[in-house]
Protein backbone atom coordinates (compact mmCIF):
# COMPACT_ATOMS: atom_id res chain seq x y z
CA UNK A 1 -12.07 -40.51 50.63
CA UNK A 2 -11.64 -39.17 54.23
CA UNK A 3 -9.91 -41.62 56.70
CA UNK A 4 -11.08 -39.60 59.53
CA UNK A 5 -14.47 -38.78 61.11
CA UNK A 6 -14.92 -35.37 61.28
CA UNK A 7 -17.01 -33.21 64.03
CA UNK A 8 -16.95 -30.10 66.30
CA UNK A 9 -16.84 -30.58 69.83
CA UNK A 10 -17.77 -27.52 71.90
CA UNK A 11 -16.92 -25.19 69.10
CA UNK A 12 -13.47 -26.55 68.23
CA UNK A 13 -13.14 -29.03 64.93
CA UNK A 14 -11.91 -33.08 66.26
CA UNK A 15 -11.06 -35.57 63.75
CA UNK A 16 -11.49 -39.12 64.87
CA UNK A 17 -9.68 -42.25 63.95
CA UNK A 18 -10.60 -45.80 64.01
CA UNK A 19 -9.52 -46.13 67.86
CA UNK A 20 -11.97 -43.21 68.99
CA UNK A 21 -14.61 -43.82 66.28
CA UNK A 22 -15.44 -47.14 67.27
CA UNK A 23 -16.21 -45.88 71.12
CA UNK A 24 -19.72 -44.85 72.20
CA UNK A 25 -19.84 -40.99 72.50
CA UNK A 26 -20.13 -40.91 76.25
CA UNK A 27 -17.08 -43.05 76.95
CA UNK A 28 -14.66 -41.14 74.08
CA UNK A 29 -15.99 -37.80 76.23
CA UNK A 30 -14.82 -39.14 79.70
CA UNK A 31 -11.79 -41.21 78.66
CA UNK A 32 -10.32 -39.63 75.55
CA UNK A 33 -11.11 -35.95 76.19
CA UNK A 34 -11.78 -35.40 80.14
CA UNK A 35 -15.10 -34.16 79.91
CA UNK A 36 -16.72 -36.18 83.00
CA UNK A 37 -19.74 -33.84 83.24
CA UNK A 38 -21.50 -36.58 80.68
CA UNK A 39 -22.48 -39.73 82.77
CA UNK A 40 -22.87 -43.16 82.07
CA UNK A 41 -24.99 -45.10 84.10
CA UNK A 42 -27.61 -47.32 81.97
CA UNK A 43 -25.91 -47.74 78.71
CA UNK A 44 -29.15 -48.22 76.99
CA UNK A 45 -30.50 -44.72 76.55
CA UNK A 46 -32.99 -44.92 79.22
CA UNK A 47 -32.12 -42.45 82.17
CA UNK A 48 -30.44 -39.47 80.35
CA UNK A 49 -27.62 -38.93 82.41
CA UNK A 50 -25.51 -38.78 79.35
CA UNK A 51 -27.27 -36.22 77.33
CA UNK A 52 -25.70 -33.99 75.01
CA UNK A 53 -26.51 -31.53 72.18
CA UNK A 54 -26.12 -32.20 68.85
CA UNK A 55 -26.58 -30.13 65.52
CA UNK A 56 -26.37 -32.01 62.26
CA UNK A 57 -26.71 -28.87 59.74
CA UNK A 58 -26.12 -30.63 56.45
CA UNK A 59 -28.95 -33.27 56.54
CA UNK A 60 -31.18 -32.20 53.27
CA UNK A 61 -34.85 -31.62 54.54
CA UNK A 62 -34.25 -31.84 58.35
CA UNK A 63 -34.58 -29.79 61.14
CA UNK A 64 -30.87 -29.70 61.42
CA UNK A 65 -30.71 -26.04 62.78
CA UNK A 66 -31.16 -26.52 66.39
CA UNK A 67 -28.88 -28.43 69.12
CA UNK A 68 -31.16 -31.53 69.91
CA UNK A 69 -30.69 -33.77 73.04
CA UNK A 70 -29.19 -37.27 72.06
CA UNK A 71 -28.22 -39.90 74.31
CA UNK A 72 -24.30 -40.52 74.14
CA UNK A 73 -24.19 -43.79 75.76
CA UNK A 74 -25.77 -45.36 72.34
CA UNK A 75 -24.26 -43.42 69.63
CA UNK A 76 -20.89 -44.31 68.33
CA UNK A 77 -18.36 -41.68 67.67
CA UNK A 78 -18.62 -42.85 64.01
CA UNK A 79 -22.09 -41.45 63.83
CA UNK A 80 -21.47 -37.92 64.66
CA UNK A 81 -19.58 -37.81 61.50
CA UNK A 82 -20.56 -34.18 59.98
CA UNK A 83 -22.25 -33.13 63.43
CA UNK A 84 -21.71 -30.24 65.86
CA UNK A 85 -21.75 -31.21 69.49
CA UNK A 86 -22.17 -29.22 72.74
CA UNK A 87 -21.34 -30.95 76.32
CA UNK A 88 -22.52 -29.64 79.90
CA UNK A 89 -18.99 -28.84 80.50
CA UNK A 90 -19.22 -25.89 78.13
CA UNK A 91 -22.67 -24.25 78.86
CA UNK A 92 -20.68 -21.70 81.23
CA UNK A 93 -20.52 -18.67 79.45
CA UNK A 94 -17.47 -16.61 81.06
CA UNK A 95 -17.76 -17.80 84.37
CA UNK A 96 -21.54 -17.32 84.05
CA UNK A 97 -23.75 -20.49 84.70
CA UNK A 98 -26.35 -21.25 82.05
CA UNK A 99 -29.70 -20.23 82.82
CA UNK A 100 -30.82 -23.88 83.14
CA UNK A 101 -28.02 -24.27 85.16
CA UNK A 102 -29.01 -21.20 87.23
CA UNK A 103 -32.43 -22.83 87.65
CA UNK A 104 -31.32 -26.12 88.73
CA UNK A 105 -29.29 -24.61 91.85
CA UNK A 106 -32.16 -22.25 92.84
CA UNK A 107 -34.55 -24.81 92.67
CA UNK A 108 -32.64 -27.21 94.38
CA UNK A 109 -33.03 -29.77 91.70
CA UNK A 110 -30.29 -31.58 92.37
CA UNK A 111 -29.34 -34.01 95.39
CA UNK A 112 -26.78 -36.50 94.59
CA UNK A 113 -26.06 -34.78 91.10
CA UNK A 114 -25.11 -37.76 89.55
CA UNK A 115 -28.04 -37.66 86.81
CA UNK A 116 -28.05 -33.48 87.00
CA UNK A 117 -25.98 -32.97 83.94
CA UNK A 118 -28.47 -34.94 81.61
CA UNK A 119 -31.43 -32.96 82.92
CA UNK A 120 -29.58 -29.92 82.46
CA UNK A 121 -28.49 -30.83 78.67
CA UNK A 122 -32.38 -31.93 78.20
CA UNK A 123 -33.74 -28.47 79.53
CA UNK A 124 -31.16 -26.82 77.47
CA UNK A 125 -32.34 -28.55 74.62
CA UNK A 126 -36.19 -27.48 75.17
CA UNK A 127 -34.89 -23.63 75.42
CA UNK A 128 -32.90 -24.14 71.92
CA UNK A 129 -36.14 -25.48 70.54
CA UNK A 130 -38.16 -22.40 72.31
CA UNK A 131 -35.75 -19.98 71.08
CA UNK A 132 -35.87 -20.86 67.53
CA UNK A 133 -39.76 -20.35 67.77
CA UNK A 134 -39.32 -17.19 69.80
CA UNK A 135 -41.63 -18.23 72.70
CA UNK A 136 -41.69 -16.58 75.72
CA UNK A 137 -42.48 -18.83 78.57
CA UNK A 138 -42.17 -22.64 79.21
CA UNK A 139 -45.44 -24.25 80.56
CA UNK A 140 -45.71 -27.18 82.82
CA UNK A 141 -46.54 -29.80 80.13
CA UNK A 142 -43.57 -28.66 77.91
CA UNK A 143 -41.30 -29.05 80.80
CA UNK A 144 -42.52 -32.69 81.59
CA UNK A 145 -42.26 -33.61 78.04
CA UNK A 146 -38.75 -32.59 77.35
CA UNK A 147 -37.72 -34.55 80.50
CA UNK A 148 -39.18 -37.89 79.66
CA UNK A 149 -35.87 -39.19 78.73
CA UNK A 150 -34.34 -38.50 82.10
CA UNK A 151 -34.43 -40.47 85.52
CA UNK A 152 -33.61 -39.10 89.06
CA UNK A 153 -32.82 -41.58 91.88
CA UNK A 154 -33.14 -39.38 94.84
CA UNK A 155 -34.48 -35.73 94.52
CA UNK A 156 -37.90 -36.51 92.90
CA UNK A 157 -39.15 -34.54 90.32
CA UNK A 158 -40.97 -31.73 91.31
CA UNK A 159 -37.83 -29.65 92.09
CA UNK A 160 -36.56 -30.51 88.82
CA UNK A 161 -39.85 -29.47 87.29
CA UNK A 162 -39.99 -25.97 89.18
CA UNK A 163 -36.39 -25.50 87.77
CA UNK A 164 -37.54 -25.77 84.15
CA UNK A 165 -40.51 -23.01 85.11
CA UNK A 166 -38.44 -20.82 86.20
CA UNK A 167 -36.23 -20.55 83.27
CA UNK A 168 -35.80 -16.92 82.03
CA UNK A 169 -36.10 -17.04 78.07
CA UNK A 170 -35.18 -13.75 77.86
CA UNK A 171 -31.75 -14.21 79.37
CA UNK A 172 -31.03 -17.32 77.18
CA UNK A 173 -29.04 -16.59 73.91
CA UNK A 174 -28.99 -19.74 71.13
CA UNK A 175 -26.01 -22.23 71.55
CA UNK A 176 -25.23 -21.36 67.72
CA UNK A 177 -24.11 -17.98 68.21
CA UNK A 178 -21.15 -19.40 70.77
CA UNK A 179 -20.57 -22.74 69.10
CA UNK A 180 -20.98 -22.67 65.36
CA UNK A 181 -19.22 -20.19 63.19
CA UNK A 182 -19.52 -19.33 59.18
CA UNK A 183 -16.29 -21.40 58.90
CA UNK A 184 -17.69 -24.32 60.96
CA UNK A 185 -21.05 -24.13 58.51
CA UNK A 186 -18.59 -24.53 55.60
CA UNK A 187 -15.89 -27.16 57.04
CA UNK A 188 -19.37 -29.48 57.69
CA UNK A 189 -20.62 -28.95 54.01
CA UNK A 190 -17.37 -30.18 52.72
CA UNK A 191 -17.37 -33.37 55.15
CA UNK A 192 -20.82 -33.77 54.17
CA UNK A 193 -20.12 -34.35 50.46
CA UNK A 194 -16.89 -36.94 50.88
CA UNK A 195 -17.45 -40.65 51.65
CA UNK A 196 -15.34 -41.57 54.39
CA UNK A 197 -13.58 -45.12 55.44
CA UNK A 198 -12.62 -45.20 59.13
CA UNK A 199 -10.96 -48.65 59.83
CA UNK A 200 -7.86 -50.80 61.17
CA UNK A 201 -7.82 -54.36 61.72
CA UNK A 202 -10.44 -55.01 64.38
CA UNK A 203 -12.79 -52.00 63.37
CA UNK A 204 -14.31 -50.71 59.89
CA UNK A 205 -16.73 -47.66 59.61
CA UNK A 206 -17.95 -46.80 55.87
CA UNK A 207 -19.98 -43.79 55.14
CA UNK A 208 -20.86 -43.66 51.35
CA UNK A 209 -22.56 -40.40 49.57
CA UNK A 210 -24.41 -42.85 47.32
CA UNK A 211 -26.66 -46.01 47.35
CA UNK A 212 -24.43 -47.41 44.67
CA UNK A 213 -21.28 -47.07 47.09
CA UNK A 214 -23.32 -48.51 49.92
CA UNK A 215 -24.78 -51.66 48.06
CA UNK A 216 -20.94 -52.39 46.54
CA UNK A 217 -19.70 -52.29 50.07
CA UNK A 218 -22.56 -54.86 51.37
CA UNK A 219 -21.64 -57.06 48.20
CA UNK A 220 -17.89 -57.23 49.35
CA UNK A 221 -18.65 -57.66 52.87
CA UNK A 222 -22.04 -59.54 53.68
CA UNK A 223 -21.35 -59.27 57.39
CA UNK A 224 -21.71 -55.63 57.58
CA UNK A 225 -24.15 -53.78 59.99
CA UNK A 226 -26.26 -51.56 58.52
CA UNK A 227 -26.14 -48.16 60.68
CA UNK A 228 -29.49 -46.35 60.83
CA UNK A 229 -29.03 -44.52 63.96
CA UNK A 230 -27.65 -47.34 66.15
CA UNK A 231 -29.99 -46.87 69.23
CA UNK A 232 -30.84 -50.79 68.92
CA UNK A 233 -27.30 -51.99 67.85
CA UNK A 234 -25.90 -50.25 70.52
CA UNK A 235 -27.79 -51.31 73.22
CA UNK A 236 -26.75 -54.90 72.02
CA UNK A 237 -22.90 -53.99 71.98
CA UNK A 238 -22.92 -52.33 75.53
CA UNK A 239 -24.42 -55.50 77.01
CA UNK A 240 -21.91 -57.41 75.18
CA UNK A 241 -24.24 -59.44 73.29
CA UNK A 242 -22.67 -58.27 69.56
CA UNK A 243 -19.39 -56.75 68.75
CA UNK A 244 -19.89 -53.79 66.21
CA UNK A 245 -17.24 -54.19 64.10
CA UNK A 246 -17.83 -53.69 60.61
CA UNK A 247 -20.64 -51.08 59.99
CA UNK A 248 -22.09 -49.36 57.02
CA UNK A 249 -23.20 -45.68 58.20
CA UNK A 250 -25.98 -44.08 56.13
CA UNK A 251 -25.90 -40.73 57.09
CA UNK A 252 -24.14 -39.31 53.90
CA UNK A 253 -26.75 -40.16 51.54
CA UNK A 254 -29.11 -37.06 50.89
CA UNK A 255 -32.18 -38.99 49.21
CA UNK A 256 -32.62 -41.14 52.61
CA UNK A 257 -33.64 -37.87 54.34
CA UNK A 258 -36.62 -37.23 52.33
CA UNK A 259 -40.02 -37.16 53.88
CA UNK A 260 -43.25 -35.85 51.72
CA UNK A 261 -46.76 -36.34 50.72
CA UNK A 262 -47.80 -37.05 47.21
CA UNK A 263 -51.32 -37.62 45.85
CA UNK A 264 -52.25 -38.95 49.39
CA UNK A 265 -48.95 -41.18 49.98
CA UNK A 266 -46.72 -40.22 52.63
CA UNK A 267 -43.10 -41.46 51.79
CA UNK A 268 -40.55 -41.78 54.74
CA UNK A 269 -36.67 -42.09 53.60
CA UNK A 270 -34.36 -44.54 55.91
CA UNK A 271 -32.89 -41.56 57.73
CA UNK A 272 -35.95 -39.76 58.85
CA UNK A 273 -35.95 -39.63 62.68
CA UNK A 274 -39.20 -40.28 64.69
CA UNK A 275 -38.67 -36.31 65.90
CA UNK A 276 -39.02 -35.06 62.34
CA UNK A 277 -41.96 -37.87 61.22
CA UNK A 278 -43.95 -36.79 64.26
CA UNK A 279 -43.81 -33.13 63.24
CA UNK A 280 -44.67 -34.36 59.60
CA UNK A 281 -47.82 -36.37 61.18
CA UNK A 282 -49.30 -33.42 62.75
CA UNK A 283 -50.56 -32.30 59.79
CA UNK A 284 -50.93 -35.28 57.75
CA UNK A 285 -51.85 -38.12 60.39
CA UNK A 286 -52.52 -36.55 63.87
CA UNK A 287 -53.56 -39.76 65.17
CA UNK A 288 -50.11 -41.21 64.30
CA UNK A 289 -48.30 -38.30 65.75
CA UNK A 290 -50.11 -38.50 69.15
CA UNK A 291 -49.20 -42.21 69.54
CA UNK A 292 -45.35 -41.19 68.80
CA UNK A 293 -45.68 -39.16 71.70
CA UNK A 294 -45.50 -42.19 74.20
CA UNK A 295 -42.89 -43.78 71.98
CA UNK A 296 -39.13 -43.23 73.64
CA UNK A 297 -37.46 -40.20 74.94
CA UNK A 298 -36.87 -37.21 73.12
CA UNK A 299 -33.09 -37.96 72.97
CA UNK A 300 -34.27 -41.23 71.49
CA UNK A 301 -36.67 -39.56 68.98
CA UNK A 302 -34.21 -37.20 67.65
CA UNK A 303 -31.59 -39.79 66.77
CA UNK A 304 -33.77 -43.18 66.06
CA UNK A 305 -35.07 -43.73 62.56
CA UNK A 306 -38.55 -44.92 61.61
CA UNK A 307 -37.19 -47.29 58.98
CA UNK A 308 -34.88 -48.71 61.84
CA UNK A 309 -37.60 -49.58 64.13
CA UNK A 310 -39.27 -51.84 61.20
CA UNK A 311 -35.75 -53.03 60.21
CA UNK A 312 -34.80 -54.51 63.69
CA UNK A 313 -38.30 -56.64 63.29
CA UNK A 314 -39.08 -56.77 67.03
CA UNK A 315 -42.06 -58.20 68.01
CA UNK A 316 -42.78 -55.45 70.51
CA UNK A 317 -41.50 -52.46 68.41
CA UNK A 318 -44.24 -49.61 68.84
CA UNK A 319 -44.11 -48.40 64.89
CA UNK A 320 -44.80 -52.02 63.24
CA UNK A 321 -48.24 -52.72 64.05
CA UNK A 322 -49.02 -48.92 62.98
CA UNK A 323 -47.36 -49.55 59.69
CA UNK A 324 -49.04 -52.90 58.99
CA UNK A 325 -52.42 -51.52 60.00
CA UNK A 326 -51.59 -48.61 57.34
CA UNK A 327 -50.94 -51.22 54.86
CA UNK A 328 -47.60 -49.81 54.16
CA UNK A 329 -45.13 -50.37 51.28
CA UNK A 330 -41.11 -51.14 52.34
CA UNK A 331 -39.11 -49.96 49.56
CA UNK A 332 -35.43 -51.90 48.75
CA UNK A 333 -32.59 -51.66 46.94
CA UNK A 334 -30.02 -54.56 46.26
CA UNK A 335 -27.84 -56.20 44.03
CA UNK A 336 -30.59 -56.88 41.44
CA UNK A 337 -32.19 -53.41 41.68
CA UNK A 338 -35.15 -51.72 43.18
CA UNK A 339 -38.31 -53.84 44.96
CA UNK A 340 -41.17 -52.94 47.00
CA UNK A 341 -42.23 -55.45 49.60
CA UNK A 342 -45.74 -55.13 51.50
CA UNK A 343 -45.21 -54.88 54.97
CA UNK A 344 -47.76 -57.54 55.51
CA UNK A 345 -45.10 -59.82 54.08
CA UNK A 346 -41.86 -58.28 55.58
CA UNK A 347 -41.82 -59.85 58.74
CA UNK A 348 -41.35 -63.94 58.55
CA UNK A 349 -40.10 -64.88 61.86
CA UNK A 350 -38.44 -63.55 65.23
CA UNK A 351 -36.01 -61.00 64.25
CA UNK A 352 -36.22 -61.99 60.80
CA UNK A 353 -37.29 -60.16 57.80
CA UNK A 354 -37.86 -60.78 53.95
CA UNK A 355 -34.73 -58.99 53.19
CA UNK A 356 -32.40 -60.87 50.72
CA UNK A 357 -28.56 -60.58 51.23
CA UNK A 358 -27.16 -57.30 50.16
CA UNK A 359 -30.01 -55.36 50.25
CA UNK A 360 -31.18 -52.35 52.53
CA UNK A 361 -34.23 -50.49 52.85
CA UNK A 362 -34.54 -46.84 51.49
CA UNK A 363 -37.93 -46.11 52.57
CA UNK A 364 -41.17 -46.77 53.74
CA UNK A 365 -44.44 -45.35 52.30
CA UNK A 366 -48.17 -45.64 53.60
CA UNK A 367 -51.62 -44.35 51.95
CA UNK A 368 -53.04 -41.27 54.29
CA UNK A 369 -56.61 -42.92 55.55
CA UNK A 370 -59.81 -41.25 53.75
CA UNK A 371 -62.08 -39.30 55.84
CA UNK A 372 -64.44 -42.14 56.19
CA UNK A 373 -61.71 -43.94 58.33
CA UNK A 374 -61.58 -44.35 61.96
CA UNK A 375 -57.69 -44.98 63.06
CA UNK A 376 -56.44 -45.54 66.46
CA UNK A 377 -53.14 -46.58 68.28
CA UNK A 378 -52.76 -48.03 71.98
CA UNK A 379 -49.65 -48.99 73.74
CA UNK A 380 -49.83 -51.14 77.15
CA UNK A 381 -46.24 -50.73 79.27
CA UNK A 382 -45.28 -50.48 82.68
CA UNK A 383 -44.24 -46.89 82.32
CA UNK A 384 -46.38 -44.37 80.28
CA UNK A 385 -43.04 -42.80 79.03
CA UNK A 386 -40.20 -44.16 77.77
CA UNK A 387 -40.83 -47.78 77.93
CA UNK A 388 -41.44 -50.70 75.76
CA UNK A 389 -44.84 -52.25 75.02
CA UNK A 390 -45.97 -55.24 76.84
CA UNK A 391 -48.84 -55.12 74.19
CA UNK A 392 -49.49 -52.42 71.17
CA UNK A 393 -52.38 -52.70 68.92
CA UNK A 394 -53.36 -50.53 66.18
CA UNK A 395 -56.99 -50.80 64.32
CA UNK A 396 -58.36 -49.04 61.08
CA UNK A 397 -61.56 -49.28 59.99
CA UNK A 398 -63.56 -47.68 57.10
CA UNK A 399 -67.37 -47.61 57.56
CA UNK A 400 -70.02 -48.45 54.51
CA UNK A 401 -71.92 -45.54 55.96
CA UNK A 402 -72.04 -43.04 58.81
CA UNK A 403 -74.46 -45.22 60.85
CA UNK A 404 -71.23 -47.28 61.33
CA UNK A 405 -73.20 -50.62 61.07
CA UNK A 406 -71.31 -52.19 58.74
CA UNK A 407 -67.48 -52.46 57.62
CA UNK A 408 -66.19 -51.98 54.59
CA UNK A 409 -62.61 -52.27 55.38
CA UNK A 410 -60.59 -53.15 58.03
CA UNK A 411 -56.98 -53.59 59.45
CA UNK A 412 -55.96 -54.85 62.89
CA UNK A 413 -52.38 -55.30 63.92
CA UNK A 414 -50.78 -55.87 67.36
CA UNK A 415 -47.11 -56.42 68.90
CA UNK A 416 -46.01 -58.38 71.63
CA UNK A 417 -48.43 -61.35 71.23
CA UNK A 418 -46.89 -63.26 68.64
CA UNK A 419 -42.80 -63.90 67.66
CA UNK A 420 -43.57 -61.31 64.93
CA UNK A 421 -45.61 -57.97 64.51
CA UNK A 422 -49.10 -59.48 63.72
CA UNK A 423 -51.97 -58.84 61.22
CA UNK A 424 -55.22 -60.60 62.21
CA UNK A 425 -56.38 -61.23 58.70
CA UNK A 426 -58.69 -63.96 59.95
CA UNK A 427 -60.59 -61.18 62.37
CA UNK A 428 -60.53 -58.71 59.78
CA UNK A 429 -62.71 -61.18 57.22
CA UNK A 430 -64.94 -61.60 59.80
CA UNK A 431 -65.76 -58.25 60.71
CA UNK A 432 -66.11 -57.58 56.80
CA UNK A 433 -68.74 -60.27 56.52
CA UNK A 434 -70.57 -59.39 59.86
CA UNK A 435 -70.35 -56.79 62.56
CA UNK A 436 -70.07 -59.10 65.17
CA UNK A 437 -67.59 -58.09 67.85
CA UNK A 438 -68.16 -61.00 70.15
CA UNK A 439 -67.12 -63.28 67.58
CA UNK A 440 -64.58 -61.23 66.30
CA UNK A 441 -62.89 -61.27 69.80
CA UNK A 442 -62.77 -64.96 69.98
CA UNK A 443 -61.26 -64.86 66.40
CA UNK A 444 -58.49 -62.53 67.53
CA UNK A 445 -57.86 -64.45 70.57
CA UNK A 446 -57.73 -67.85 68.21
CA UNK A 447 -54.96 -66.24 66.05
CA UNK A 448 -52.04 -65.65 68.46
CA UNK A 449 -50.66 -67.59 71.21
CA UNK A 450 -48.71 -64.64 73.53
CA UNK A 451 -45.61 -65.88 75.58
CA UNK A 452 -44.61 -64.92 79.06
CA UNK A 453 -41.77 -62.83 79.70
CA UNK A 454 -40.47 -60.59 82.08
CA UNK A 455 -42.64 -57.77 80.72
CA UNK A 456 -46.06 -59.18 80.87
CA UNK A 457 -47.66 -63.40 81.21
CA UNK A 458 -49.19 -64.90 78.47
CA UNK A 459 -52.54 -64.58 80.26
CA UNK A 460 -52.05 -60.59 81.07
CA UNK A 461 -51.32 -60.10 77.37
CA UNK A 462 -54.67 -61.90 76.04
CA UNK A 463 -56.21 -59.43 78.43
CA UNK A 464 -54.86 -56.41 77.49
CA UNK A 465 -55.21 -57.49 73.55
CA UNK A 466 -58.87 -58.11 74.05
CA UNK A 467 -59.34 -54.97 76.23
CA UNK A 468 -57.67 -52.69 73.51
CA UNK A 469 -59.69 -54.27 70.81
CA UNK A 470 -63.12 -53.72 72.38
CA UNK A 471 -61.98 -50.09 73.50
CA UNK A 472 -61.28 -49.21 69.76
CA UNK A 473 -65.09 -49.88 69.16
CA UNK A 474 -66.27 -48.49 72.24
CA UNK A 475 -64.59 -45.12 71.16
CA UNK A 476 -65.74 -44.96 67.73
CA UNK A 477 -68.99 -46.22 67.56
CA UNK A 478 -72.13 -44.45 68.84
């Protein structure tokens, strides 16, 4: 068993013991390696100044062949085990600026410069993706989409978007040609096949290669935090509300990377990221894929896992209402074996789930809606991109006939209106019995008691909930 985290940093093999593995990557780069191009601003994954590029080549079934942008301020060094990283400090090649750096200079995309490295790395991530697809140009929508995870305080965004549009892809070469060799490929394959236990008196990180090892560790150390991607746990740690001292990493377990469709049922493993899930959904449930476009930033989607967004049990999480409306099933492994939990019975109270001690989620599965079904997902937040919902709503309706005058089946779920992601069973039953929207709205409002907080008042949440509910029927009923 390894006692070090192993990864490659700008093409050089790097090993980290517990003192370094317990640090956030951004802090490690700056204080341990002197790579100060990576900036720390928000420590929440909100601003993108800390963006680096990560290649994770041996995760089975994933798009591990591209360098993808991730937030280093909410990524533990321990999580980079088996990865290859590139930072902004290494982009220059033989004294020549990378094409994205050249574009930012020529288009005056920098003013104070603090956020600039993050923008450069986000743009470079877009370039890497386009090179892998042999695309010849960058359009304005692609430019804006790739930059939704980056904030600028002083320049404004037009020069930065101009820089993105001016990138000459014919002058770019894939970073893998510079930073990823056959020897590195072989070394990281060996890393992926061997469990790791990196610990000292104050920190322990265990990364098993099998579920059996993981469950045995959980049984021995019940206080262990399960680390899917850490995009939620790391924020809690950075804000000093919790200390990440004993962690179980799942990144070396091959079975957790599965995503497949079988006989109309979609199966998503616990290590599938939102980016991979979105790509898969484009051809299977396109409405869900479109909804994920306004879920977090590219950096978060490239690291954050679908199952993690469920397991955190946030009442304002974006995907739990969607899975509630799709009648998803949660697959669980624990000391007594395997079991499945309907997601409608998974959320018990604020941040409390039906998981028993020693259990972990291994997958979520849901049926693809039939053709006679209308499916919509809505989100209301202060910002369009990269913001947590004030209210979100998911509605699925299957009609008895094309006239859309009678409902055969319906599911309505929302976030931000209750202590848990909420399924409106009473409202659904009313609409199955009679198609009466006004009566349904009254029932909808009676089922929940929203609270006021920094994101929205209780009254505002009621108005948004009703408006989104009515919007669904205005959109789908002739």
